């Protein structure tokens, strides 16, 4: 009985361990997506700084109720 339990526990451990190893292989892909997203933001912010500021001012004015009607 104990041997069957040990075999089952070992099988579960192996399945869980292999699953973790497979997911770790995709880390470079996520790093690339993150770096590329940061690069896009870094390029777009200087070009759209004024428009983003105006949008933020308008949104805050609408929330606070000081927007011109």
Protein backbone atom coordinates (compact mmCIF):
# COMPACT_ATOMS: atom_id res chain seq x y z
CA UNK A 1 0.00 0.00 0.00
CA UNK A 2 2.77 2.43 0.94
CA UNK A 3 4.66 1.61 -2.25
CA UNK A 4 1.61 2.49 -4.39
CA UNK A 5 1.25 5.77 -2.53
CA UNK A 6 4.95 6.55 -3.04
CA UNK A 7 4.65 5.80 -6.76
CA UNK A 8 1.61 8.04 -7.07
CA UNK A 9 3.32 10.86 -5.16
CA UNK A 10 6.39 10.53 -7.36
CA UNK A 11 4.27 10.63 -10.52
CA UNK A 12 2.50 13.80 -9.34
CA UNK A 13 5.82 15.40 -8.42
CA UNK A 14 7.31 14.60 -11.83
CA UNK A 15 4.29 16.02 -13.66
CA UNK A 16 4.37 19.23 -11.64
CA UNK A 17 8.13 19.62 -12.03
CA UNK A 18 8.07 19.06 -15.78
CA UNK A 19 5.25 21.60 -16.15
CA UNK A 20 7.29 24.24 -14.34
CA UNK A 21 10.34 23.59 -16.48
CA UNK A 22 8.32 23.91 -19.69
CA UNK A 23 6.97 27.33 -18.67
CA UNK A 24 10.42 28.63 -17.76
CA UNK A 25 11.52 28.12 -21.36
CA UNK A 26 9.23 30.96 -22.48
CA UNK A 27 10.88 33.62 -20.30
CA UNK A 28 12.96 35.14 -23.14
CA UNK A 29 9.75 35.69 -25.12
CA UNK A 30 8.16 37.61 -22.25
CA UNK A 31 11.33 39.62 -21.75
CA UNK A 32 11.30 40.57 -25.42
CA UNK A 33 7.63 41.62 -25.29
CA UNK A 34 8.30 43.74 -22.20
CA UNK A 35 11.36 45.43 -23.68
CA UNK A 36 9.59 46.12 -26.98
CA UNK A 37 6.58 47.58 -25.14
CA UNK A 38 8.86 49.85 -23.14
CA UNK A 39 10.59 50.95 -26.34
CA UNK A 40 7.26 51.80 -28.01
CA UNK A 41 6.21 53.86 -24.98
CA UNK A 42 9.60 55.61 -24.88
CA UNK A 43 9.26 56.56 -28.57
CA UNK A 44 5.61 57.67 -28.41
CA UNK A 45 5.70 59.76 -25.23
CA UNK A 46 7.89 62.59 -26.58
CA UNK A 47 5.78 62.84 -29.73
CA UNK A 48 2.42 62.80 -27.93
CA UNK A 49 3.35 64.61 -24.72
CA UNK A 50 1.19 67.67 -25.37
CA UNK A 51 -1.82 65.66 -26.50
CA UNK A 52 -1.54 63.30 -23.52
CA UNK A 53 -1.32 66.29 -21.18
CA UNK A 54 -4.42 67.86 -22.73
CA UNK A 55 -6.30 64.58 -22.46
CA UNK A 56 -5.33 64.24 -18.80
CA UNK A 57 -6.33 67.83 -18.03
CA UNK A 58 -9.71 67.33 -19.74
CA UNK A 59 -10.32 64.06 -17.90
CA UNK A 60 -9.45 65.59 -14.53
CA UNK A 61 -11.66 68.59 -15.25
CA UNK A 62 -14.57 66.27 -16.05
CA UNK A 63 -14.06 64.30 -12.85
CA UNK A 64 -13.77 67.35 -10.63
CA UNK A 65 -16.71 69.09 -12.32
CA UNK A 66 -14.77 72.13 -13.47
CA UNK A 67 -15.17 71.36 -17.19
CA UNK A 68 -16.57 74.12 -19.34
CA UNK A 69 -20.03 73.22 -20.63
